[in-house]
Protein backbone atom coordinates (compact mmCIF):
# COMPACT_ATOMS: atom_id res chain seq x y z
CA MET A 1 147.08 120.84 97.60
CA GLN A 2 143.90 119.51 99.12
CA THR A 3 140.76 119.56 96.99
CA SER A 4 137.64 118.55 98.87
CA SER A 5 136.68 116.02 101.46
CA SER A 6 134.25 114.23 99.12
CA SER A 7 136.76 111.45 98.48
CA ASP A 8 137.14 110.89 102.22
CA SER A 9 133.40 110.55 102.76
CA SER A 10 133.19 107.57 100.39
CA ASN A 11 135.33 105.52 102.77
CA THR A 12 133.46 106.41 105.94
CA PRO A 13 130.97 103.81 107.17
CA VAL A 14 127.30 104.72 107.14
CA GLU A 15 125.53 104.36 110.48
CA ILE A 16 122.39 102.27 110.30
CA SER A 17 119.82 102.83 113.03
CA ILE A 18 118.43 99.85 114.89
CA TRP A 19 114.97 101.31 114.23
CA PHE A 20 115.46 100.72 110.51
CA PHE A 21 115.93 96.99 111.20
CA ASN A 22 112.86 97.03 113.46
CA GLY A 23 110.93 98.56 110.57
CA VAL A 24 112.12 95.83 108.19
CA MET A 25 111.13 93.18 110.72
CA LEU A 26 107.67 94.70 111.27
CA PHE A 27 107.18 94.94 107.51
CA LEU A 28 108.10 91.27 106.98
CA TYR A 29 105.88 90.13 109.85
CA GLY A 30 103.06 92.20 108.36
CA LEU A 31 103.53 90.43 105.02
CA LEU A 32 103.41 87.01 106.67
CA ILE A 33 100.44 87.69 108.95
CA GLY A 34 98.53 89.65 106.32
CA GLY A 35 99.21 86.93 103.77
CA TYR A 36 97.72 84.38 106.13
CA GLY A 37 94.72 86.65 106.63
CA VAL A 38 94.18 86.82 102.87
CA TYR A 39 94.54 83.02 102.69
CA GLU A 40 91.88 82.65 105.40
CA ILE A 41 89.44 84.75 103.41
CA ILE A 42 90.13 83.07 100.06
CA SER A 43 90.08 79.49 101.34
CA GLY A 44 87.17 79.98 103.70
CA HIS A 45 89.12 78.31 106.51
CA THR A 46 88.52 80.34 109.65
CA PRO A 47 89.53 79.23 113.12
CA PRO A 48 86.69 78.33 115.50
CA VAL A 49 86.86 81.46 117.64
CA VAL A 50 84.12 83.85 118.66
CA LEU A 51 85.33 86.89 116.69
CA ALA A 52 86.51 85.09 113.53
CA ARG A 53 84.27 87.32 111.43
CA LEU A 54 86.55 90.30 112.16
CA HIS A 55 89.53 88.72 110.33
CA ALA A 56 92.15 89.78 112.88
CA PRO A 57 95.18 88.51 110.89
CA LEU A 58 94.25 90.76 107.99
CA TRP A 59 93.98 93.84 110.22
CA TRP A 60 97.13 93.07 112.21
CA GLY A 61 99.04 92.38 109.01
CA ALA A 62 97.96 95.71 107.54
CA LEU A 63 98.89 97.55 110.74
CA LEU A 64 102.32 95.94 110.87
CA LEU A 65 102.91 96.71 107.19
CA VAL A 66 102.11 100.38 107.69
CA LEU A 67 104.19 100.68 110.87
CA GLY A 68 107.13 98.85 109.30
CA LEU A 69 107.03 100.99 106.19
CA GLY A 70 106.89 104.14 108.32
CA TYR A 71 109.93 103.09 110.36
CA CYS A 72 111.84 102.12 107.19
CA ILE A 73 111.17 105.49 105.58
CA LYS A 74 111.89 107.54 108.69
CA PHE A 75 115.11 105.76 109.67
CA MET A 76 116.44 104.96 106.19
CA PRO A 77 120.25 104.66 106.15
CA GLY A 78 122.03 107.77 104.93
CA LYS A 79 119.15 110.02 105.85
CA GLY A 80 119.04 112.28 108.87
CA LYS A 81 121.62 113.68 111.27
CA THR A 82 124.60 111.70 110.06
CA GLU A 83 124.18 113.06 106.54
CA GLU A 84 123.81 116.62 107.83
CA LEU A 85 126.93 116.28 109.97
CA HIS A 86 128.96 115.01 107.03
CA GLU A 87 127.81 117.93 104.89
CA LYS A 88 128.95 120.39 107.55
CA GLY A 89 132.21 118.57 108.01
CA GLU A 90 131.55 117.88 111.69
CA LYS A 91 132.19 114.63 113.49
CA ARG A 92 129.72 113.00 115.80
């Protein structure tokens, strides 16, 4: 007597998209670059470049943080087509 396939699904590996890892990497780079941008503002140390007043590391850090977070949310493991296929009992 076979009950349900829920016990079989616990042993199946979860596919993790490469885009999720790209999102984690973008997020971490955003933390590092944005952190340096905040340090520049707090310490007053700005590099001797023409557009230093625009605080490029702060803006790039914020952009990378947002992009990385978006990729992490969109391509989170266990979310998406693979979960839908397992619910239907289909194989990829």
